[in-house]
Amino acid sequence: MKEFTQEQFNEFVGEILPQQLFHVMPTDIDEETGIRCDELILIQCLNSRPEVLRYKNLSWFVENFIY
């Protein structure tokens, strides 16, 4: 398994996720799936970097990035 550092985690939560969620409102709905866009984006980001879950659990991400 590839090493994932605290610095990489900090970049993920401090830069990557906020950039992906910028200008996405809780009322924005994905036309294809019918789910909220912010939730879909968060799941896609976590799916692309599951290593971040070593540092914080899924509920932490939801509490901090889904409004």
C-alpha atoms as a PDB file:
ATOM      1  CA  MET A   1       0.000   0.000   0.000  1.00  0.00           C
ATOM      2  CA  LYS A   2       1.278   3.434  -0.928  1.00  0.00           C
ATOM      3  CA  GLU A   3       2.383   5.679   1.940  1.00  0.00           C
ATOM      4  CA  PHE A   4       0.121   8.648   2.622  1.00  0.00           C
ATOM      5  CA  THR A   5       1.601  11.325   4.861  1.00  0.00           C
ATOM      6  CA  GLN A   6       0.078  13.833   7.245  1.00  0.00           C
ATOM      7  CA  GLU A   7       1.202  16.564   4.844  1.00  0.00           C
ATOM      8  CA  GLN A   8      -0.703  14.935   1.991  1.00  0.00           C
ATOM      9  CA  PHE A   9      -3.760  14.625   4.224  1.00  0.00           C
ATOM     10  CA  ASN A  10      -3.507  18.317   5.137  1.00  0.00           C
ATOM     11  CA  GLU A  11      -3.322  19.218   1.450  1.00  0.00           C
ATOM     12  CA  PHE A  12      -6.350  17.031   0.719  1.00  0.00           C
ATOM     13  CA  VAL A  13      -8.560  18.610   3.400  1.00  0.00           C
ATOM     14  CA  GLY A  14      -7.114  22.110   3.152  1.00  0.00           C
ATOM     15  CA  GLU A  15      -6.919  22.524  -0.606  1.00  0.00           C
ATOM     16  CA  ILE A  16      -8.298  19.690  -2.720  1.00  0.00           C
ATOM     17  CA  LEU A  17     -11.705  19.190  -1.085  1.00  0.00           C
ATOM     18  CA  PRO A  18     -12.441  22.929  -0.710  1.00  0.00           C
ATOM     19  CA  GLN A  19     -11.531  23.465  -4.380  1.00  0.00           C
ATOM     20  CA  GLN A  20     -13.833  20.654  -5.474  1.00  0.00           C
ATOM     21  CA  LEU A  21     -16.722  21.914  -3.340  1.00  0.00           C
ATOM     22  CA  PHE A  22     -16.269  25.615  -4.188  1.00  0.00           C
ATOM     23  CA  HIS A  23     -19.559  27.144  -5.394  1.00  0.00           C
ATOM     24  CA  VAL A  24     -21.496  23.925  -4.785  1.00  0.00           C
ATOM     25  CA  MET A  25     -24.641  24.592  -2.793  1.00  0.00           C
ATOM     26  CA  PRO A  26     -26.522  22.025  -0.670  1.00  0.00           C
ATOM     27  CA  THR A  27     -29.503  22.575  -2.962  1.00  0.00           C
ATOM     28  CA  ASP A  28     -27.577  21.580  -6.103  1.00  0.00           C
ATOM     29  CA  ILE A  29     -28.834  18.198  -7.314  1.00  0.00           C
ATOM     30  CA  ASP A  30     -27.071  15.918  -9.783  1.00  0.00           C
ATOM     31  CA  GLU A  31     -29.463  15.339 -12.666  1.00  0.00           C
ATOM     32  CA  GLU A  32     -28.227  11.828 -13.407  1.00  0.00           C
ATOM     33  CA  THR A  33     -28.412  10.395  -9.886  1.00  0.00           C
ATOM     34  CA  GLY A  34     -30.821  12.747  -8.114  1.00  0.00           C
ATOM     35  CA  ILE A  35     -28.497  13.160  -5.128  1.00  0.00           C
ATOM     36  CA  ARG A  36     -26.911  16.296  -3.738  1.00  0.00           C
ATOM     37  CA  CYS A  37     -23.845  17.422  -5.693  1.00  0.00           C
ATOM     38  CA  ASP A  38     -21.795  18.176  -2.565  1.00  0.00           C
ATOM     39  CA  GLU A  39     -22.335  14.642  -1.261  1.00  0.00           C
ATOM     40  CA  LEU A  40     -21.486  13.130  -4.632  1.00  0.00           C
ATOM     41  CA  ILE A  41     -18.298  15.189  -4.935  1.00  0.00           C
ATOM     42  CA  LEU A  42     -17.194  14.228  -1.426  1.00  0.00           C
ATOM     43  CA  ILE A  43     -17.754  10.535  -2.123  1.00  0.00           C
ATOM     44  CA  GLN A  44     -15.872  10.760  -5.414  1.00  0.00           C
ATOM     45  CA  CYS A  45     -12.926  12.524  -3.763  1.00  0.00           C
ATOM     46  CA  LEU A  46     -12.789   9.972  -0.949  1.00  0.00           C
ATOM     47  CA  ASN A  47     -13.036   7.152  -3.462  1.00  0.00           C
ATOM     48  CA  SER A  48     -10.053   8.535  -5.350  1.00  0.00           C
ATOM     49  CA  ARG A  49      -7.963   8.832  -2.147  1.00  0.00           C
ATOM     50  CA  PRO A  50      -9.279   6.281   0.396  1.00  0.00           C
ATOM     51  CA  GLU A  51      -5.976   6.647   2.292  1.00  0.00           C
ATOM     52  CA  VAL A  52      -7.347   9.820   3.911  1.00  0.00           C
ATOM     53  CA  LEU A  53      -9.584   7.619   6.048  1.00  0.00           C
ATOM     54  CA  ARG A  54      -6.484   6.580   7.985  1.00  0.00           C
ATOM     55  CA  TYR A  55      -6.444  10.060   9.507  1.00  0.00           C
ATOM     56  CA  LYS A  56     -10.159  10.863   9.925  1.00  0.00           C
ATOM     57  CA  ASN A  57     -13.271   8.734   9.676  1.00  0.00           C
ATOM     58  CA  LEU A  58     -16.104   9.205   7.212  1.00  0.00           C
ATOM     59  CA  SER A  59     -18.347  11.008   9.690  1.00  0.00           C
ATOM     60  CA  TRP A  60     -15.635  13.646  10.230  1.00  0.00           C
ATOM     61  CA  PHE A  61     -15.593  14.404   6.508  1.00  0.00           C
ATOM     62  CA  VAL A  62     -19.372  14.651   6.382  1.00  0.00           C
ATOM     63  CA  GLU A  63     -19.520  16.911   9.450  1.00  0.00           C
ATOM     64  CA  ASN A  64     -16.787  19.187   8.080  1.00  0.00           C
ATOM     65  CA  PHE A  65     -17.623  19.370   4.376  1.00  0.00           C
ATOM     66  CA  ILE A  66     -21.367  18.767   3.984  1.00  0.00           C
ATOM     67  CA  TYR A  67     -23.534  21.673   5.100  1.00  0.00           C
END
